[in-house]
Amino acid sequence: MTFKTPVALDSQEIEVSLLIRGSEHCLDQCEILLSLLSEEAYIQQTQDSASIGTHMRHLQDRFQCLFNGLPDRTVDYDARKRDKSIETNMAATRFATVTLKRRLSDLQRHEKQGIEQSVELLVRESVHHASPQVSVSSNLQRELNGLDHPCDPLSRAYGDDWQAVGL
């Protein structure tokens, strides 16, 4: 019986891979949700929350800001497009979701090829609409982890009241 020598994997390499998969899963959930909704339910606002479309647009905007900032290593979350077509048009949302998943796959491929993913990033964002923008140091892992959290965009907005959105 022969044993293979264990390969030591860099914990950052594993972490990035898991975070990318988590982000892909998040976008998979969005696609499933889109397949269950009518156009009317997608744009319907509830008394306590914005529409599902608004939540989807916000999530997609943040992913886009991260990808747009990677080449310069400066991520500006205040530079969101806030594309109204994603809020109101499910076809536009599906297309944007597929595009983001492709970009995550590209990032995963680069990560597997050993391209350095633990680069430091400068992240800019206003923490309150009436306050100035702040800049903080971050890295890809931290930003991917933060993007993964709002992935059940609707459970936060609608809780267990899925009937409010037509499901």
C-alpha atoms as a PDB file:
ATOM      1  CA  MET A   1       0.000   0.000   0.000  1.00  0.00           C
ATOM      2  CA  THR A   2       1.409   3.378  -0.948  1.00  0.00           C
ATOM      3  CA  PHE A   3       0.389   6.677   0.470  1.00  0.00           C
ATOM      4  CA  LYS A   4       0.471   9.939  -1.337  1.00  0.00           C
ATOM      5  CA  THR A   5       2.269  12.754   0.357  1.00  0.00           C
ATOM      6  CA  PRO A   6      -0.303  15.242   1.597  1.00  0.00           C
ATOM      7  CA  VAL A   7      -0.267  18.511  -0.255  1.00  0.00           C
ATOM      8  CA  ALA A   8      -0.246  21.524   1.978  1.00  0.00           C
ATOM      9  CA  LEU A   9      -2.723  24.035   0.695  1.00  0.00           C
ATOM     10  CA  ASP A  10      -2.454  27.665   1.545  1.00  0.00           C
ATOM     11  CA  SER A  11      -5.364  28.520   3.848  1.00  0.00           C
ATOM     12  CA  GLN A  12      -5.894  31.772   1.937  1.00  0.00           C
ATOM     13  CA  GLU A  13      -6.211  29.767  -1.286  1.00  0.00           C
ATOM     14  CA  ILE A  14      -8.875  27.553   0.273  1.00  0.00           C
ATOM     15  CA  GLU A  15     -10.629  30.536   1.802  1.00  0.00           C
ATOM     16  CA  VAL A  16     -10.868  32.424  -1.491  1.00  0.00           C
ATOM     17  CA  SER A  17     -12.157  29.319  -3.252  1.00  0.00           C
ATOM     18  CA  LEU A  18     -14.851  28.782  -0.608  1.00  0.00           C
ATOM     19  CA  LEU A  19     -15.865  32.424  -0.669  1.00  0.00           C
ATOM     20  CA  ILE A  20     -16.162  32.399  -4.450  1.00  0.00           C
ATOM     21  CA  ARG A  21     -18.316  29.275  -4.265  1.00  0.00           C
ATOM     22  CA  GLY A  22     -20.439  30.962  -1.604  1.00  0.00           C
ATOM     23  CA  SER A  23     -20.939  33.964  -3.877  1.00  0.00           C
ATOM     24  CA  GLU A  24     -21.849  31.660  -6.769  1.00  0.00           C
ATOM     25  CA  HIS A  25     -24.377  29.942  -4.508  1.00  0.00           C
ATOM     26  CA  CYS A  26     -25.818  33.332  -3.601  1.00  0.00           C
ATOM     27  CA  LEU A  27     -26.333  34.162  -7.269  1.00  0.00           C
ATOM     28  CA  ASP A  28     -27.787  30.669  -7.852  1.00  0.00           C
ATOM     29  CA  GLN A  29     -30.361  31.460  -5.168  1.00  0.00           C
ATOM     30  CA  CYS A  30     -31.186  34.705  -6.934  1.00  0.00           C
ATOM     31  CA  GLU A  31     -31.747  32.806 -10.190  1.00  0.00           C
ATOM     32  CA  ILE A  32     -34.034  30.331  -8.455  1.00  0.00           C
ATOM     33  CA  LEU A  33     -35.985  33.156  -6.890  1.00  0.00           C
ATOM     34  CA  LEU A  34     -36.354  34.858 -10.274  1.00  0.00           C
ATOM     35  CA  SER A  35     -37.739  31.637 -11.744  1.00  0.00           C
ATOM     36  CA  LEU A  36     -40.442  31.571  -9.058  1.00  0.00           C
ATOM     37  CA  LEU A  37     -41.617  35.163  -9.343  1.00  0.00           C
ATOM     38  CA  SER A  38     -43.944  36.953 -11.680  1.00  0.00           C
ATOM     39  CA  GLU A  39     -42.853  40.323 -13.081  1.00  0.00           C
ATOM     40  CA  GLU A  40     -45.529  41.914 -10.909  1.00  0.00           C
ATOM     41  CA  ALA A  41     -44.224  40.307  -7.724  1.00  0.00           C
ATOM     42  CA  TYR A  42     -40.656  41.288  -8.647  1.00  0.00           C
ATOM     43  CA  ILE A  43     -41.442  44.999  -8.703  1.00  0.00           C
ATOM     44  CA  GLN A  44     -44.062  45.032  -5.932  1.00  0.00           C
ATOM     45  CA  GLN A  45     -43.124  46.991  -2.849  1.00  0.00           C
ATOM     46  CA  THR A  46     -44.359  45.978   0.559  1.00  0.00           C
ATOM     47  CA  GLN A  47     -45.363  48.391   3.261  1.00  0.00           C
ATOM     48  CA  ASP A  48     -42.132  47.779   5.170  1.00  0.00           C
ATOM     49  CA  SER A  49     -39.607  47.211   2.411  1.00  0.00           C
ATOM     50  CA  ALA A  50     -38.394  47.980  -1.073  1.00  0.00           C
ATOM     51  CA  SER A  51     -39.246  45.638  -3.925  1.00  0.00           C
ATOM     52  CA  ILE A  52     -37.419  42.399  -4.592  1.00  0.00           C
ATOM     53  CA  GLY A  53     -36.058  44.069  -7.726  1.00  0.00           C
ATOM     54  CA  THR A  54     -34.539  46.848  -5.631  1.00  0.00           C
ATOM     55  CA  HIS A  55     -32.855  44.315  -3.349  1.00  0.00           C
ATOM     56  CA  MET A  56     -31.534  42.367  -6.345  1.00  0.00           C
ATOM     57  CA  ARG A  57     -30.200  45.543  -7.952  1.00  0.00           C
ATOM     58  CA  HIS A  58     -28.436  46.537  -4.742  1.00  0.00           C
ATOM     59  CA  LEU A  59     -26.783  43.127  -4.419  1.00  0.00           C
ATOM     60  CA  GLN A  60     -25.683  43.145  -8.059  1.00  0.00           C
ATOM     61  CA  ASP A  61     -24.378  46.710  -7.782  1.00  0.00           C
ATOM     62  CA  ARG A  62     -22.077  45.716  -4.954  1.00  0.00           C
ATOM     63  CA  PHE A  63     -20.681  42.741  -6.869  1.00  0.00           C
ATOM     64  CA  GLN A  64     -20.092  45.025  -9.872  1.00  0.00           C
ATOM     65  CA  CYS A  65     -18.264  47.594  -7.739  1.00  0.00           C
ATOM     66  CA  LEU A  66     -15.945  44.898  -6.426  1.00  0.00           C
ATOM     67  CA  PHE A  67     -15.133  43.598  -9.904  1.00  0.00           C
ATOM     68  CA  ASN A  68     -14.721  47.120 -11.294  1.00  0.00           C
ATOM     69  CA  GLY A  69     -12.280  47.984  -8.517  1.00  0.00           C
ATOM     70  CA  LEU A  70     -10.053  44.903  -8.673  1.00  0.00           C
ATOM     71  CA  PRO A  71      -7.752  46.112 -11.496  1.00  0.00           C
ATOM     72  CA  ASP A  72      -6.854  49.303  -9.584  1.00  0.00           C
ATOM     73  CA  ARG A  73      -7.228  47.649  -6.171  1.00  0.00           C
ATOM     74  CA  THR A  74      -9.676  50.384  -5.200  1.00  0.00           C
ATOM     75  CA  VAL A  75     -13.294  49.408  -4.633  1.00  0.00           C
ATOM     76  CA  ASP A  76     -15.755  52.297  -4.474  1.00  0.00           C
ATOM     77  CA  TYR A  77     -19.163  51.091  -3.331  1.00  0.00           C
ATOM     78  CA  ASP A  78     -20.565  54.610  -3.742  1.00  0.00           C
ATOM     79  CA  ALA A  79     -19.950  54.302  -7.506  1.00  0.00           C
ATOM     80  CA  ARG A  80     -22.888  51.914  -7.888  1.00  0.00           C
ATOM     81  CA  LYS A  81     -24.779  52.235 -11.174  1.00  0.00           C
ATOM     82  CA  ARG A  82     -28.193  51.831  -9.562  1.00  0.00           C
ATOM     83  CA  ASP A  83     -29.484  50.554 -12.887  1.00  0.00           C
ATOM     84  CA  LYS A  84     -33.274  50.870 -12.749  1.00  0.00           C
ATOM     85  CA  SER A  85     -33.669  48.217 -15.465  1.00  0.00           C
ATOM     86  CA  ILE A  86     -32.406  45.609 -13.000  1.00  0.00           C
ATOM     87  CA  GLU A  87     -35.019  46.761 -10.490  1.00  0.00           C
ATOM     88  CA  THR A  88     -37.883  46.541 -12.952  1.00  0.00           C
ATOM     89  CA  ASN A  89     -36.936  44.019 -15.642  1.00  0.00           C
ATOM     90  CA  MET A  90     -36.347  40.407 -14.701  1.00  0.00           C
ATOM     91  CA  ALA A  91     -34.643  39.641 -18.038  1.00  0.00           C
ATOM     92  CA  ALA A  92     -32.062  42.362 -17.327  1.00  0.00           C
ATOM     93  CA  THR A  93     -31.563  40.913 -13.854  1.00  0.00           C
ATOM     94  CA  ARG A  94     -31.062  37.408 -15.221  1.00  0.00           C
ATOM     95  CA  PHE A  95     -28.504  38.681 -17.717  1.00  0.00           C
ATOM     96  CA  ALA A  96     -26.632  40.629 -15.011  1.00  0.00           C
ATOM     97  CA  THR A  97     -26.662  37.565 -12.742  1.00  0.00           C
ATOM     98  CA  VAL A  98     -25.213  35.313 -15.452  1.00  0.00           C
ATOM     99  CA  THR A  99     -22.532  37.935 -16.144  1.00  0.00           C
ATOM    100  CA  LEU A 100     -21.562  38.112 -12.468  1.00  0.00           C
ATOM    101  CA  LYS A 101     -21.402  34.320 -12.244  1.00  0.00           C
ATOM    102  CA  ARG A 102     -19.081  34.294 -15.259  1.00  0.00           C
ATOM    103  CA  ARG A 103     -16.846  36.862 -13.587  1.00  0.00           C
ATOM    104  CA  LEU A 104     -16.764  34.746 -10.423  1.00  0.00           C
ATOM    105  CA  SER A 105     -15.791  31.718 -12.519  1.00  0.00           C
ATOM    106  CA  ASP A 106     -12.975  33.745 -14.078  1.00  0.00           C
ATOM    107  CA  LEU A 107     -11.842  34.784 -10.621  1.00  0.00           C
ATOM    108  CA  GLN A 108     -11.924  31.139  -9.497  1.00  0.00           C
ATOM    109  CA  ARG A 109      -9.843  30.112 -12.521  1.00  0.00           C
ATOM    110  CA  HIS A 110      -7.261  32.795 -11.737  1.00  0.00           C
ATOM    111  CA  GLU A 111      -7.190  31.679  -8.124  1.00  0.00           C
ATOM    112  CA  LYS A 112      -6.546  28.066  -9.157  1.00  0.00           C
ATOM    113  CA  GLN A 113      -3.715  29.220 -11.409  1.00  0.00           C
ATOM    114  CA  GLY A 114      -2.014  30.699  -8.371  1.00  0.00           C
ATOM    115  CA  ILE A 115      -2.624  34.330  -9.133  1.00  0.00           C
ATOM    116  CA  GLU A 116      -2.266  36.296  -5.919  1.00  0.00           C
ATOM    117  CA  GLN A 117      -5.727  36.921  -4.469  1.00  0.00           C
ATOM    118  CA  SER A 118      -4.743  38.213  -1.069  1.00  0.00           C
ATOM    119  CA  VAL A 119      -3.859  41.637  -2.414  1.00  0.00           C
ATOM    120  CA  GLU A 120      -4.734  44.571  -0.282  1.00  0.00           C
ATOM    121  CA  LEU A 121      -7.648  46.660  -1.476  1.00  0.00           C
ATOM    122  CA  LEU A 122      -8.688  50.176  -0.636  1.00  0.00           C
ATOM    123  CA  VAL A 123     -12.437  50.264  -0.073  1.00  0.00           C
ATOM    124  CA  ARG A 124     -14.395  53.495  -0.235  1.00  0.00           C
ATOM    125  CA  GLU A 125     -17.971  53.932   0.906  1.00  0.00           C
ATOM    126  CA  SER A 126     -20.219  56.399   2.664  1.00  0.00           C
ATOM    127  CA  VAL A 127     -21.443  54.825   5.861  1.00  0.00           C
ATOM    128  CA  HIS A 128     -24.323  57.292   6.109  1.00  0.00           C
ATOM    129  CA  HIS A 129     -25.910  59.482   3.447  1.00  0.00           C
ATOM    130  CA  ALA A 130     -25.086  62.630   5.413  1.00  0.00           C
ATOM    131  CA  SER A 131     -21.482  61.722   6.178  1.00  0.00           C
ATOM    132  CA  PRO A 132     -18.365  61.837   4.028  1.00  0.00           C
ATOM    133  CA  GLN A 133     -16.988  58.775   2.301  1.00  0.00           C
ATOM    134  CA  VAL A 134     -14.532  56.708   4.326  1.00  0.00           C
ATOM    135  CA  SER A 135     -11.617  54.686   2.991  1.00  0.00           C
ATOM    136  CA  VAL A 136     -10.492  51.496   4.692  1.00  0.00           C
ATOM    137  CA  SER A 137      -7.981  48.781   3.933  1.00  0.00           C
ATOM    138  CA  SER A 138      -9.437  45.417   3.006  1.00  0.00           C
ATOM    139  CA  ASN A 139      -8.726  42.370   0.867  1.00  0.00           C
ATOM    140  CA  LEU A 140     -10.551  40.150  -1.593  1.00  0.00           C
ATOM    141  CA  GLN A 141     -11.505  37.581   1.037  1.00  0.00           C
ATOM    142  CA  ARG A 142     -13.115  40.159   3.301  1.00  0.00           C
ATOM    143  CA  GLU A 143     -15.023  41.762   0.438  1.00  0.00           C
ATOM    144  CA  LEU A 144     -16.286  38.444  -0.945  1.00  0.00           C
ATOM    145  CA  ASN A 145     -17.389  37.467   2.538  1.00  0.00           C
ATOM    146  CA  GLY A 146     -19.298  40.721   2.896  1.00  0.00           C
ATOM    147  CA  LEU A 147     -21.006  40.302  -0.475  1.00  0.00           C
ATOM    148  CA  ASP A 148     -22.102  36.780   0.344  1.00  0.00           C
ATOM    149  CA  HIS A 149     -24.105  37.812   3.418  1.00  0.00           C
ATOM    150  CA  PRO A 150     -26.970  39.710   1.812  1.00  0.00           C
ATOM    151  CA  CYS A 151     -27.580  36.780  -0.465  1.00  0.00           C
ATOM    152  CA  ASP A 152     -30.896  35.864   0.797  1.00  0.00           C
ATOM    153  CA  PRO A 153     -31.915  39.380  -0.089  1.00  0.00           C
ATOM    154  CA  LEU A 154     -35.524  38.686   0.499  1.00  0.00           C
ATOM    155  CA  SER A 155     -35.548  36.876   3.779  1.00  0.00           C
ATOM    156  CA  ARG A 156     -34.250  40.076   5.334  1.00  0.00           C
ATOM    157  CA  ALA A 157     -36.895  42.136   3.652  1.00  0.00           C
ATOM    158  CA  TYR A 158     -39.852  39.785   3.842  1.00  0.00           C
ATOM    159  CA  GLY A 159     -39.005  37.243   6.525  1.00  0.00           C
ATOM    160  CA  ASP A 160     -41.432  34.365   6.398  1.00  0.00           C
ATOM    161  CA  ASP A 161     -44.106  36.460   4.699  1.00  0.00           C
ATOM    162  CA  TRP A 162     -43.522  35.097   1.202  1.00  0.00           C
ATOM    163  CA  GLN A 163     -47.201  35.602   0.362  1.00  0.00           C
ATOM    164  CA  ALA A 164     -46.475  39.339   0.347  1.00  0.00           C
ATOM    165  CA  VAL A 165     -44.385  38.810  -2.781  1.00  0.00           C
ATOM    166  CA  GLY A 166     -46.658  36.359  -4.529  1.00  0.00           C
ATOM    167  CA  LEU A 167     -44.980  33.056  -3.627  1.00  0.00           C
END
